């Protein structure tokens, strides 16, 4: 891969990745709700989805999605409905023991699918990959090595950003524990989850 393009791509993607969005809000929420360690399962799903979106966008699958928008619409609404349901459950849950992790118990598979679905059904993620990636692919070089390098960089940067947000949620949980805010933790986490669901539904 062209080193000049690489030097431009890293800071560009970092600024986009670290900015608040659906995936980062989800990481913040789960950092509060289940802790950073358990949030890693969501991150694994989200990173898989991001890598898939990047590869698909670069290989032209985005054109298929543009020709058949109903498929994309179904994915968005299913993902949004699931996140709204989780938010509603958190609102109705009793106040947790903030000294223990596990506010929103979910299986590892459910957390991974939650992250994956949020990533692949995020229209802004597709738009970014379609518009940005081609600018960093050198036409005179082989596509596969360049694409693998870009996806590896994307995954590493995205993982760091997710960790930052999940850690922020975990520290917020600890703050609420010291401040006696157990009653508010479910409501904050539930509201954020609903916000991500609405964000996804409106696209």
N, C-alpha and C. Protein backbone atom coordinates (compact mmCIF):
# COMPACT_ATOMS: atom_id res chain seq x y z
N UNK A 1 0.84 -1.19 0.00
CA UNK A 1 0.00 0.00 0.00
C UNK A 1 0.87 1.25 0.00
N UNK A 2 0.45 2.27 -0.72
CA UNK A 2 1.18 3.52 -0.80
C UNK A 2 1.30 4.15 0.59
N UNK A 3 2.55 4.42 1.02
CA UNK A 3 2.77 4.95 2.38
C UNK A 3 2.19 6.35 2.56
N UNK A 4 2.17 7.12 1.49
CA UNK A 4 1.59 8.47 1.58
C UNK A 4 0.09 8.38 1.83
N UNK A 5 -0.59 7.48 1.11
CA UNK A 5 -2.02 7.29 1.32
C UNK A 5 -2.29 6.74 2.72
N UNK A 6 -1.43 5.85 3.17
CA UNK A 6 -1.58 5.28 4.50
C UNK A 6 -1.46 6.35 5.58
N UNK A 7 -0.51 7.26 5.41
CA UNK A 7 -0.32 8.34 6.39
C UNK A 7 -1.52 9.26 6.45
N UNK A 8 -2.25 9.38 5.35
CA UNK A 8 -3.47 10.19 5.34
C UNK A 8 -4.66 9.42 5.90
N UNK A 9 -4.69 8.12 5.64
CA UNK A 9 -5.86 7.32 6.02
C UNK A 9 -5.98 7.16 7.53
N UNK A 10 -4.88 6.91 8.21
CA UNK A 10 -4.92 6.63 9.65
C UNK A 10 -5.55 7.78 10.44
N UNK A 11 -5.08 9.02 10.33
CA UNK A 11 -5.73 10.10 11.10
C UNK A 11 -7.15 10.39 10.63
N UNK A 12 -7.39 10.22 9.32
CA UNK A 12 -8.74 10.46 8.81
C UNK A 12 -9.73 9.50 9.43
N UNK A 13 -9.40 8.20 9.42
CA UNK A 13 -10.33 7.22 9.97
C UNK A 13 -10.43 7.34 11.48
N UNK A 14 -9.33 7.68 12.15
CA UNK A 14 -9.40 7.83 13.60
C UNK A 14 -10.39 8.92 14.01
N UNK A 15 -10.36 10.05 13.33
CA UNK A 15 -11.27 11.14 13.65
C UNK A 15 -12.72 10.74 13.41
N UNK A 16 -12.95 9.97 12.37
CA UNK A 16 -14.32 9.51 12.09
C UNK A 16 -14.74 8.45 13.10
N UNK A 17 -13.83 7.54 13.42
CA UNK A 17 -14.15 6.45 14.34
C UNK A 17 -14.44 6.95 15.75
N UNK A 18 -13.65 7.90 16.24
CA UNK A 18 -13.78 8.36 17.62
C UNK A 18 -14.97 9.27 17.82
N UNK A 19 -15.52 9.80 16.73
CA UNK A 19 -16.69 10.69 16.85
C UNK A 19 -17.91 9.89 17.29
N UNK A 20 -18.81 10.50 18.07
CA UNK A 20 -19.99 9.78 18.55
C UNK A 20 -20.86 9.26 17.40
N UNK A 21 -21.31 8.05 17.55
CA UNK A 21 -22.18 7.43 16.56
C UNK A 21 -22.93 6.28 17.21
N UNK A 22 -23.64 5.52 16.41
CA UNK A 22 -24.44 4.43 16.97
C UNK A 22 -23.58 3.39 17.66
N UNK A 23 -22.49 2.97 17.03
CA UNK A 23 -21.65 1.92 17.61
C UNK A 23 -20.96 2.41 18.88
N UNK A 24 -20.51 3.66 18.87
CA UNK A 24 -19.84 4.19 20.06
C UNK A 24 -20.83 4.40 21.21
N UNK A 25 -22.04 4.83 20.88
CA UNK A 25 -23.06 4.96 21.92
C UNK A 25 -23.42 3.61 22.51
N UNK A 26 -23.46 2.60 21.67
CA UNK A 26 -23.73 1.24 22.15
C UNK A 26 -22.61 0.77 23.07
N UNK A 27 -21.36 1.06 22.71
CA UNK A 27 -20.23 0.68 23.56
C UNK A 27 -20.29 1.39 24.91
N UNK A 28 -20.65 2.67 24.90
CA UNK A 28 -20.79 3.42 26.15
C UNK A 28 -21.89 2.81 27.02
N UNK A 29 -23.00 2.47 26.39
CA UNK A 29 -24.13 1.89 27.12
C UNK A 29 -23.76 0.56 27.74
N UNK A 30 -23.14 -0.31 26.97
CA UNK A 30 -22.78 -1.63 27.48
C UNK A 30 -21.64 -1.55 28.48
N UNK A 31 -20.76 -0.55 28.33
CA UNK A 31 -19.74 -0.36 29.34
C UNK A 31 -20.35 -0.07 30.69
N UNK A 32 -21.44 0.70 30.68
CA UNK A 32 -22.20 0.96 31.91
C UNK A 32 -22.95 -0.28 32.37
N UNK A 33 -23.58 -0.95 31.41
CA UNK A 33 -24.53 -2.00 31.77
C UNK A 33 -23.88 -3.31 32.15
N UNK A 34 -22.86 -3.72 31.41
CA UNK A 34 -22.29 -5.05 31.65
C UNK A 34 -20.79 -5.03 31.90
N UNK A 35 -20.17 -3.85 31.84
CA UNK A 35 -18.74 -3.75 32.08
C UNK A 35 -17.93 -3.88 30.79
N UNK A 36 -16.69 -3.44 30.86
CA UNK A 36 -15.84 -3.43 29.66
C UNK A 36 -15.54 -4.83 29.17
N UNK A 37 -15.23 -5.74 30.10
CA UNK A 37 -14.83 -7.09 29.68
C UNK A 37 -15.94 -7.80 28.93
N UNK A 38 -17.15 -7.73 29.44
CA UNK A 38 -18.25 -8.41 28.75
C UNK A 38 -18.64 -7.68 27.46
N UNK A 39 -18.39 -6.37 27.41
CA UNK A 39 -18.66 -5.61 26.19
C UNK A 39 -17.76 -6.04 25.04
N UNK A 40 -16.67 -6.72 25.35
CA UNK A 40 -15.77 -7.17 24.30
C UNK A 40 -16.49 -8.10 23.31
N UNK A 41 -17.51 -8.82 23.79
CA UNK A 41 -18.26 -9.69 22.87
C UNK A 41 -19.04 -8.86 21.86
N UNK A 42 -19.63 -7.76 22.32
CA UNK A 42 -20.29 -6.85 21.38
C UNK A 42 -19.29 -6.28 20.40
N UNK A 43 -18.11 -5.92 20.91
CA UNK A 43 -17.08 -5.35 20.05
C UNK A 43 -16.64 -6.33 18.98
N UNK A 44 -16.54 -7.61 19.35
CA UNK A 44 -16.15 -8.62 18.37
C UNK A 44 -17.16 -8.67 17.22
N UNK A 45 -18.44 -8.62 17.56
CA UNK A 45 -19.47 -8.61 16.53
C UNK A 45 -19.43 -7.34 15.71
N UNK A 46 -19.23 -6.21 16.38
CA UNK A 46 -19.21 -4.92 15.68
C UNK A 46 -18.02 -4.84 14.74
N UNK A 47 -16.86 -5.30 15.18
CA UNK A 47 -15.67 -5.24 14.33
C UNK A 47 -15.80 -6.18 13.13
N UNK A 48 -16.43 -7.33 13.34
CA UNK A 48 -16.70 -8.23 12.22
C UNK A 48 -17.60 -7.56 11.20
N UNK A 49 -18.63 -6.87 11.71
CA UNK A 49 -19.55 -6.17 10.81
C UNK A 49 -18.88 -5.04 10.07
N UNK A 50 -18.04 -4.27 10.76
CA UNK A 50 -17.33 -3.16 10.12
C UNK A 50 -16.39 -3.68 9.03
N UNK A 51 -15.67 -4.77 9.32
CA UNK A 51 -14.78 -5.35 8.32
C UNK A 51 -15.56 -5.83 7.11
N UNK A 52 -16.73 -6.43 7.36
CA UNK A 52 -17.57 -6.91 6.26
C UNK A 52 -18.08 -5.75 5.41
N UNK A 53 -18.52 -4.68 6.07
CA UNK A 53 -19.01 -3.50 5.35
C UNK A 53 -17.90 -2.89 4.50
N UNK A 54 -16.69 -2.80 5.08
CA UNK A 54 -15.56 -2.23 4.33
C UNK A 54 -15.24 -3.06 3.11
N UNK A 55 -15.18 -4.37 3.29
CA UNK A 55 -14.86 -5.25 2.16
C UNK A 55 -15.96 -5.20 1.10
N UNK A 56 -17.22 -5.24 1.55
CA UNK A 56 -18.34 -5.22 0.61
C UNK A 56 -18.40 -3.92 -0.16
N UNK A 57 -18.16 -2.82 0.54
CA UNK A 57 -18.20 -1.51 -0.12
C UNK A 57 -17.10 -1.41 -1.17
N UNK A 58 -15.91 -1.87 -0.80
CA UNK A 58 -14.79 -1.79 -1.73
C UNK A 58 -14.98 -2.70 -2.94
N UNK A 59 -15.68 -3.82 -2.75
CA UNK A 59 -15.87 -4.78 -3.84
C UNK A 59 -17.14 -4.54 -4.63
N UNK A 60 -17.90 -3.51 -4.26
CA UNK A 60 -19.05 -3.14 -5.07
C UNK A 60 -20.38 -3.71 -4.63
N UNK A 61 -20.44 -4.38 -3.47
CA UNK A 61 -21.72 -4.91 -3.00
C UNK A 61 -22.66 -3.77 -2.64
N UNK A 62 -22.09 -2.61 -2.35
CA UNK A 62 -22.93 -1.46 -2.03
C UNK A 62 -23.88 -1.13 -3.18
N UNK A 63 -23.44 -1.40 -4.41
CA UNK A 63 -24.30 -1.16 -5.56
C UNK A 63 -25.53 -2.06 -5.51
N UNK A 64 -25.35 -3.30 -5.05
CA UNK A 64 -26.49 -4.21 -4.90
C UNK A 64 -27.47 -3.69 -3.86
N UNK A 65 -26.94 -3.18 -2.75
CA UNK A 65 -27.80 -2.63 -1.71
C UNK A 65 -28.56 -1.41 -2.23
N UNK A 66 -27.90 -0.62 -3.09
CA UNK A 66 -28.56 0.55 -3.66
C UNK A 66 -29.69 0.16 -4.60
N UNK A 67 -29.51 -0.96 -5.31
CA UNK A 67 -30.54 -1.42 -6.25
C UNK A 67 -31.69 -2.12 -5.54
N UNK A 68 -31.42 -2.66 -4.36
CA UNK A 68 -32.45 -3.36 -3.60
C UNK A 68 -32.52 -2.77 -2.19
N UNK A 69 -32.99 -1.55 -2.07
CA UNK A 69 -32.99 -0.86 -0.76
C UNK A 69 -33.90 -1.52 0.27
N UNK A 70 -34.87 -2.32 -0.18
CA UNK A 70 -35.78 -2.97 0.77
C UNK A 70 -35.02 -3.93 1.69
N UNK A 71 -33.99 -4.59 1.16
CA UNK A 71 -33.19 -5.50 1.99
C UNK A 71 -32.51 -4.73 3.12
N UNK A 72 -31.96 -3.60 2.77
CA UNK A 72 -31.29 -2.77 3.77
C UNK A 72 -32.27 -2.21 4.78
N UNK A 73 -33.47 -1.85 4.29
CA UNK A 73 -34.50 -1.30 5.16
C UNK A 73 -34.94 -2.32 6.21
N UNK A 74 -35.10 -3.57 5.78
CA UNK A 74 -35.50 -4.63 6.70
C UNK A 74 -34.44 -4.81 7.79
N UNK A 75 -33.17 -4.85 7.38
CA UNK A 75 -32.08 -4.99 8.35
C UNK A 75 -32.09 -3.86 9.37
N UNK A 76 -32.31 -2.64 8.89
CA UNK A 76 -32.34 -1.49 9.79
C UNK A 76 -33.46 -1.60 10.81
N UNK A 77 -34.66 -1.96 10.34
CA UNK A 77 -35.82 -1.98 11.24
C UNK A 77 -35.75 -3.13 12.24
N UNK A 78 -35.22 -4.26 11.82
CA UNK A 78 -35.05 -5.38 12.75
C UNK A 78 -34.06 -5.01 13.84
N UNK A 79 -32.93 -4.42 13.44
CA UNK A 79 -31.94 -4.00 14.42
C UNK A 79 -32.48 -2.94 15.36
N UNK A 80 -33.22 -1.98 14.82
CA UNK A 80 -33.79 -0.91 15.63
C UNK A 80 -34.80 -1.46 16.64
N UNK A 81 -35.65 -2.38 16.18
CA UNK A 81 -36.66 -2.97 17.08
C UNK A 81 -36.00 -3.71 18.24
N UNK A 82 -34.92 -4.42 17.95
CA UNK A 82 -34.22 -5.17 19.00
C UNK A 82 -33.62 -4.22 20.03
N UNK A 83 -33.00 -3.14 19.57
CA UNK A 83 -32.40 -2.19 20.51
C UNK A 83 -33.47 -1.47 21.33
N UNK A 84 -34.60 -1.14 20.72
CA UNK A 84 -35.70 -0.52 21.47
C UNK A 84 -36.24 -1.47 22.54
N UNK A 85 -36.33 -2.73 22.19
CA UNK A 85 -36.80 -3.73 23.16
C UNK A 85 -35.83 -3.84 24.34
N UNK A 86 -34.52 -3.84 24.05
CA UNK A 86 -33.53 -3.90 25.13
C UNK A 86 -33.61 -2.65 26.02
N UNK A 87 -33.79 -1.49 25.39
CA UNK A 87 -33.93 -0.26 26.17
C UNK A 87 -35.13 -0.29 27.07
N UNK A 88 -36.26 -0.80 26.56
CA UNK A 88 -37.49 -0.92 27.36
C UNK A 88 -37.27 -1.87 28.54
N UNK A 89 -36.55 -2.97 28.30
CA UNK A 89 -36.26 -3.91 29.39
C UNK A 89 -35.42 -3.26 30.48
N UNK A 90 -34.44 -2.45 30.07
CA UNK A 90 -33.60 -1.78 31.06
C UNK A 90 -34.40 -0.78 31.89
N UNK A 91 -35.30 -0.07 31.25
CA UNK A 91 -36.14 0.89 31.98
C UNK A 91 -36.99 0.19 33.03
N UNK A 92 -37.47 -1.00 32.74
CA UNK A 92 -38.36 -1.72 33.65
C UNK A 92 -37.61 -2.55 34.68
N UNK A 93 -36.30 -2.71 34.50
CA UNK A 93 -35.53 -3.54 35.43
C UNK A 93 -35.40 -2.86 36.78
N UNK A 94 -35.32 -3.64 37.85
CA UNK A 94 -35.15 -3.05 39.19
C UNK A 94 -33.77 -2.44 39.33
N UNK A 95 -33.57 -1.52 40.28
CA UNK A 95 -32.25 -0.91 40.48
C UNK A 95 -31.20 -1.98 40.73
N UNK A 96 -30.05 -1.89 40.04
CA UNK A 96 -29.02 -2.93 40.19
C UNK A 96 -28.12 -2.67 41.38
N UNK A 97 -27.35 -3.70 41.71
CA UNK A 97 -26.27 -3.53 42.68
C UNK A 97 -25.07 -3.02 41.90
N UNK A 98 -24.73 -1.75 42.06
CA UNK A 98 -23.69 -1.13 41.25
C UNK A 98 -22.30 -1.61 41.62
N UNK A 99 -22.19 -2.42 42.65
CA UNK A 99 -20.90 -2.98 43.00
C UNK A 99 -20.62 -4.27 42.24
N UNK A 100 -21.59 -4.70 41.46
CA UNK A 100 -21.42 -5.91 40.67
C UNK A 100 -21.69 -5.59 39.21
N UNK A 101 -20.93 -6.24 38.33
CA UNK A 101 -21.16 -6.09 36.90
C UNK A 101 -22.24 -7.07 36.48
N UNK A 102 -23.10 -6.65 35.56
CA UNK A 102 -24.12 -7.57 35.08
C UNK A 102 -25.49 -6.95 35.09
N UNK A 103 -25.58 -5.65 34.91
CA UNK A 103 -26.86 -4.96 34.92
C UNK A 103 -27.81 -5.50 33.87
N UNK A 104 -27.31 -5.76 32.67
CA UNK A 104 -28.16 -6.23 31.58
C UNK A 104 -27.64 -7.57 31.09
N UNK A 105 -27.94 -8.65 31.82
CA UNK A 105 -27.38 -9.95 31.47
C UNK A 105 -27.82 -10.40 30.08
N UNK A 106 -26.86 -10.67 29.22
CA UNK A 106 -27.12 -11.19 27.89
C UNK A 106 -26.08 -12.25 27.60
N UNK A 107 -26.42 -13.18 26.72
CA UNK A 107 -25.45 -14.19 26.33
C UNK A 107 -24.36 -13.55 25.47
N UNK A 108 -23.25 -14.23 25.38
CA UNK A 108 -22.16 -13.72 24.55
C UNK A 108 -22.60 -13.61 23.09
N UNK A 109 -23.36 -14.61 22.65
CA UNK A 109 -23.84 -14.60 21.27
C UNK A 109 -24.75 -13.41 21.02
N UNK A 110 -25.64 -13.13 21.97
CA UNK A 110 -26.56 -12.00 21.81
C UNK A 110 -25.80 -10.68 21.75
N UNK A 111 -24.77 -10.54 22.57
CA UNK A 111 -23.97 -9.32 22.55
C UNK A 111 -23.24 -9.18 21.22
N UNK A 112 -22.67 -10.28 20.72
CA UNK A 112 -21.94 -10.24 19.45
C UNK A 112 -22.89 -9.90 18.30
N UNK A 113 -24.07 -10.50 18.30
CA UNK A 113 -25.04 -10.23 17.24
C UNK A 113 -25.53 -8.78 17.30
N UNK A 114 -25.65 -8.27 18.52
CA UNK A 114 -26.07 -6.88 18.70
C UNK A 114 -25.06 -5.94 18.06
N UNK A 115 -23.78 -6.19 18.31
CA UNK A 115 -22.74 -5.36 17.71
C UNK A 115 -22.67 -5.53 16.21
N UNK A 116 -22.77 -6.76 15.73
CA UNK A 116 -22.71 -7.03 14.29
C UNK A 116 -23.85 -6.35 13.55
N UNK A 117 -25.06 -6.50 14.09
CA UNK A 117 -26.23 -5.94 13.42
C UNK A 117 -26.18 -4.41 13.39
N UNK A 118 -25.69 -3.81 14.47
CA UNK A 118 -25.58 -2.35 14.50
C UNK A 118 -24.59 -1.87 13.45
N UNK A 119 -23.50 -2.60 13.27
CA UNK A 119 -22.48 -2.19 12.30
C UNK A 119 -22.97 -2.33 10.86
N UNK A 120 -23.57 -3.48 10.53
CA UNK A 120 -23.92 -3.72 9.12
C UNK A 120 -25.19 -2.99 8.71
N UNK A 121 -26.01 -2.57 9.66
CA UNK A 121 -27.24 -1.87 9.31
C UNK A 121 -27.15 -0.37 9.53
N UNK A 122 -25.92 0.11 9.74
CA UNK A 122 -25.70 1.54 9.93
C UNK A 122 -25.49 2.21 8.58
N UNK A 123 -26.46 2.97 8.08
CA UNK A 123 -26.32 3.58 6.75
C UNK A 123 -25.16 4.55 6.64
N UNK A 124 -24.83 5.23 7.75
CA UNK A 124 -23.70 6.17 7.71
C UNK A 124 -22.38 5.42 7.56
N UNK A 125 -22.31 4.22 8.14
CA UNK A 125 -21.11 3.41 7.98
C UNK A 125 -20.91 3.01 6.53
N UNK A 126 -21.98 2.59 5.87
CA UNK A 126 -21.90 2.25 4.45
C UNK A 126 -21.51 3.46 3.61
N UNK A 127 -22.14 4.59 3.90
CA UNK A 127 -21.86 5.80 3.12
C UNK A 127 -20.39 6.20 3.26
N UNK A 128 -19.87 6.09 4.49
CA UNK A 128 -18.47 6.44 4.71
C UNK A 128 -17.55 5.52 3.93
N UNK A 129 -17.78 4.21 4.03
CA UNK A 129 -16.91 3.25 3.36
C UNK A 129 -16.95 3.42 1.84
N UNK A 130 -18.14 3.63 1.31
CA UNK A 130 -18.29 3.76 -0.14
C UNK A 130 -17.59 5.03 -0.64
N UNK A 131 -17.72 6.10 0.11
CA UNK A 131 -17.17 7.39 -0.35
C UNK A 131 -15.68 7.54 -0.06
N UNK A 132 -15.20 6.93 1.05
CA UNK A 132 -13.83 7.19 1.48
C UNK A 132 -12.83 6.16 0.97
N UNK A 133 -13.16 4.88 1.08
CA UNK A 133 -12.17 3.84 0.77
C UNK A 133 -11.57 3.95 -0.63
N UNK A 134 -12.38 4.19 -1.67
CA UNK A 134 -11.78 4.27 -3.01
C UNK A 134 -10.69 5.32 -3.14
N UNK A 135 -10.76 6.37 -2.34
CA UNK A 135 -9.76 7.43 -2.42
C UNK A 135 -8.39 6.97 -1.90
N UNK A 136 -8.36 5.90 -1.12
CA UNK A 136 -7.11 5.42 -0.53
C UNK A 136 -6.63 4.11 -1.16
N UNK A 137 -7.22 3.74 -2.28
CA UNK A 137 -6.78 2.55 -3.01
C UNK A 137 -6.07 2.99 -4.28
N UNK A 138 -4.83 2.59 -4.40
CA UNK A 138 -4.02 2.98 -5.56
C UNK A 138 -4.40 2.10 -6.74
N UNK A 139 -4.81 2.69 -7.87
CA UNK A 139 -5.28 1.90 -9.00
C UNK A 139 -4.20 1.06 -9.66
N UNK A 140 -2.93 1.42 -9.48
CA UNK A 140 -1.85 0.70 -10.14
C UNK A 140 -1.31 -0.47 -9.31
N UNK A 141 -1.84 -0.64 -8.10
CA UNK A 141 -1.38 -1.72 -7.23
C UNK A 141 -2.47 -2.77 -7.07
N UNK A 142 -2.08 -3.96 -6.67
CA UNK A 142 -3.05 -5.05 -6.49
C UNK A 142 -4.07 -4.67 -5.43
N UNK A 143 -5.34 -4.99 -5.69
CA UNK A 143 -6.43 -4.58 -4.79
C UNK A 143 -6.40 -5.33 -3.46
N UNK A 144 -6.21 -6.66 -3.51
CA UNK A 144 -6.34 -7.48 -2.30
C UNK A 144 -5.41 -7.05 -1.17
N UNK A 145 -4.10 -6.88 -1.41
CA UNK A 145 -3.23 -6.46 -0.30
C UNK A 145 -3.60 -5.09 0.26
N UNK A 146 -3.98 -4.17 -0.61
CA UNK A 146 -4.38 -2.84 -0.14
C UNK A 146 -5.63 -2.92 0.72
N UNK A 147 -6.61 -3.70 0.27
CA UNK A 147 -7.87 -3.83 1.00
C UNK A 147 -7.65 -4.49 2.36
N UNK A 148 -6.82 -5.52 2.39
CA UNK A 148 -6.52 -6.19 3.66
C UNK A 148 -5.84 -5.24 4.63
N UNK A 149 -4.92 -4.43 4.11
CA UNK A 149 -4.22 -3.47 4.98
C UNK A 149 -5.18 -2.43 5.52
N UNK A 150 -6.06 -1.90 4.67
CA UNK A 150 -7.03 -0.90 5.11
C UNK A 150 -7.99 -1.47 6.14
N UNK A 151 -8.48 -2.68 5.90
CA UNK A 151 -9.42 -3.31 6.84
C UNK A 151 -8.74 -3.56 8.18
N UNK A 152 -7.48 -4.01 8.16
CA UNK A 152 -6.75 -4.24 9.41
C UNK A 152 -6.63 -2.94 10.21
N UNK A 153 -6.30 -1.85 9.52
CA UNK A 153 -6.18 -0.55 10.19
C UNK A 153 -7.54 -0.11 10.75
N UNK A 154 -8.59 -0.29 9.95
CA UNK A 154 -9.94 0.07 10.38
C UNK A 154 -10.32 -0.67 11.65
N UNK A 155 -10.07 -1.98 11.68
CA UNK A 155 -10.44 -2.80 12.83
C UNK A 155 -9.68 -2.38 14.08
N UNK A 156 -8.39 -2.12 13.95
CA UNK A 156 -7.57 -1.72 15.11
C UNK A 156 -8.05 -0.38 15.67
N UNK A 157 -8.24 0.60 14.78
CA UNK A 157 -8.67 1.92 15.23
C UNK A 157 -10.07 1.87 15.84
N UNK A 158 -10.96 1.13 15.19
CA UNK A 158 -12.33 1.01 15.70
C UNK A 158 -12.35 0.35 17.06
N UNK A 159 -11.52 -0.67 17.25
CA UNK A 159 -11.44 -1.36 18.54
C UNK A 159 -10.98 -0.40 19.64
N UNK A 160 -9.96 0.40 19.34
CA UNK A 160 -9.48 1.38 20.33
C UNK A 160 -10.58 2.38 20.70
N UNK A 161 -11.32 2.83 19.71
CA UNK A 161 -12.40 3.79 19.96
C UNK A 161 -13.50 3.15 20.82
N UNK A 162 -13.85 1.92 20.50
CA UNK A 162 -14.88 1.21 21.28
C UNK A 162 -14.44 1.03 22.73
N UNK A 163 -13.17 0.71 22.92
CA UNK A 163 -12.65 0.55 24.29
C UNK A 163 -12.74 1.86 25.06
N UNK A 164 -12.43 2.96 24.41
CA UNK A 164 -12.50 4.27 25.06
C UNK A 164 -13.93 4.55 25.53
N UNK A 165 -14.90 4.31 24.67
CA UNK A 165 -16.29 4.58 25.02
C UNK A 165 -16.80 3.62 26.09
N UNK A 166 -16.45 2.33 25.97
CA UNK A 166 -16.90 1.36 26.97
C UNK A 166 -16.28 1.66 28.33
N UNK A 167 -15.02 2.08 28.35
CA UNK A 167 -14.37 2.45 29.61
C UNK A 167 -15.03 3.68 30.21
N UNK A 168 -15.43 4.63 29.34
CA UNK A 168 -16.15 5.80 29.84
C UNK A 168 -17.46 5.42 30.50
N UNK A 169 -18.17 4.47 29.91
CA UNK A 169 -19.41 3.99 30.51
C UNK A 169 -19.16 3.30 31.84
N UNK A 170 -18.07 2.52 31.91
CA UNK A 170 -17.74 1.82 33.15
C UNK A 170 -17.42 2.82 34.27
N UNK A 171 -16.69 3.88 33.94
CA UNK A 171 -16.37 4.89 34.95
C UNK A 171 -17.62 5.66 35.37
N UNK A 172 -18.54 5.87 34.45
CA UNK A 172 -19.80 6.52 34.81
C UNK A 172 -20.59 5.65 35.78
N UNK A 173 -20.56 4.35 35.57
CA UNK A 173 -21.21 3.42 36.49
C UNK A 173 -20.63 3.53 37.90
N UNK A 174 -19.30 3.59 37.97
CA UNK A 174 -18.64 3.71 39.27
C UNK A 174 -18.99 5.03 39.95
N UNK A 175 -19.08 6.10 39.14
CA UNK A 175 -19.46 7.40 39.70
C UNK A 175 -20.86 7.35 40.29
N UNK A 176 -21.78 6.72 39.56
CA UNK A 176 -23.15 6.61 40.06
C UNK A 176 -23.21 5.75 41.31
N UNK A 177 -22.35 4.75 41.39
CA UNK A 177 -22.31 3.90 42.59
C UNK A 177 -21.91 4.72 43.81
N UNK A 178 -20.90 5.58 43.64
CA UNK A 178 -20.45 6.42 44.76
C UNK A 178 -21.49 7.49 45.11
N UNK A 179 -22.22 7.94 44.10
CA UNK A 179 -23.20 9.02 44.32
C UNK A 179 -24.58 8.49 44.69
N UNK A 180 -24.71 7.18 44.83
CA UNK A 180 -26.00 6.60 45.16
C UNK A 180 -27.00 6.71 44.04
N UNK A 181 -26.53 6.54 42.80
CA UNK A 181 -27.40 6.71 41.64
C UNK A 181 -27.87 5.43 41.02
N UNK A 182 -28.08 4.37 41.82
CA UNK A 182 -28.52 3.09 41.26
C UNK A 182 -29.84 3.21 40.51
N UNK A 183 -30.74 4.05 41.02
CA UNK A 183 -32.04 4.21 40.36
C UNK A 183 -31.90 4.78 38.95
N UNK A 184 -30.83 5.53 38.72
CA UNK A 184 -30.68 6.20 37.43
C UNK A 184 -29.93 5.38 36.41
N UNK A 185 -29.17 4.38 36.84
CA UNK A 185 -28.30 3.67 35.90
C UNK A 185 -29.11 2.94 34.83
N UNK A 186 -30.14 2.21 35.23
CA UNK A 186 -30.98 1.52 34.25
C UNK A 186 -31.62 2.52 33.28
N UNK A 187 -32.05 3.66 33.81
CA UNK A 187 -32.73 4.63 32.97
C UNK A 187 -31.78 5.27 31.97
N UNK A 188 -30.55 5.57 32.42
CA UNK A 188 -29.56 6.15 31.50
C UNK A 188 -29.21 5.14 30.41
N UNK A 189 -28.89 3.91 30.84
CA UNK A 189 -28.51 2.88 29.88
C UNK A 189 -29.67 2.57 28.93
N UNK A 190 -30.89 2.48 29.49
CA UNK A 190 -32.06 2.20 28.67
C UNK A 190 -32.34 3.32 27.68
N UNK A 191 -32.19 4.56 28.13
CA UNK A 191 -32.42 5.71 27.24
C UNK A 191 -31.41 5.75 26.11
N UNK A 192 -30.14 5.46 26.43
CA UNK A 192 -29.12 5.42 25.39
C UNK A 192 -29.40 4.31 24.38
N UNK A 193 -29.85 3.16 24.88
CA UNK A 193 -30.16 2.04 23.99
C UNK A 193 -31.31 2.41 23.07
N UNK A 194 -32.34 3.06 23.62
CA UNK A 194 -33.48 3.50 22.81
C UNK A 194 -33.01 4.54 21.79
N UNK A 195 -32.11 5.44 22.21
CA UNK A 195 -31.61 6.46 21.29
C UNK A 195 -30.88 5.83 20.10
N UNK A 196 -30.10 4.78 20.37
CA UNK A 196 -29.42 4.09 19.27
C UNK A 196 -30.44 3.43 18.35
N UNK A 197 -31.48 2.83 18.95
CA UNK A 197 -32.52 2.19 18.14
C UNK A 197 -33.24 3.17 17.26
N UNK A 198 -33.61 4.34 17.82
CA UNK A 198 -34.29 5.36 17.04
C UNK A 198 -33.38 5.90 15.95
N UNK A 199 -32.11 6.12 16.31
CA UNK A 199 -31.11 6.59 15.36
C UNK A 199 -31.01 5.64 14.17
N UNK A 200 -30.98 4.34 14.49
CA UNK A 200 -30.88 3.32 13.44
C UNK A 200 -32.14 3.29 12.58
N UNK A 201 -33.31 3.42 13.22
CA UNK A 201 -34.57 3.36 12.49
C UNK A 201 -34.72 4.54 11.53
N UNK A 202 -34.30 5.72 11.99
CA UNK A 202 -34.43 6.91 11.15
C UNK A 202 -33.36 6.99 10.09
N UNK A 203 -32.23 6.31 10.35
CA UNK A 203 -31.17 6.24 9.35
C UNK A 203 -30.57 7.57 9.01
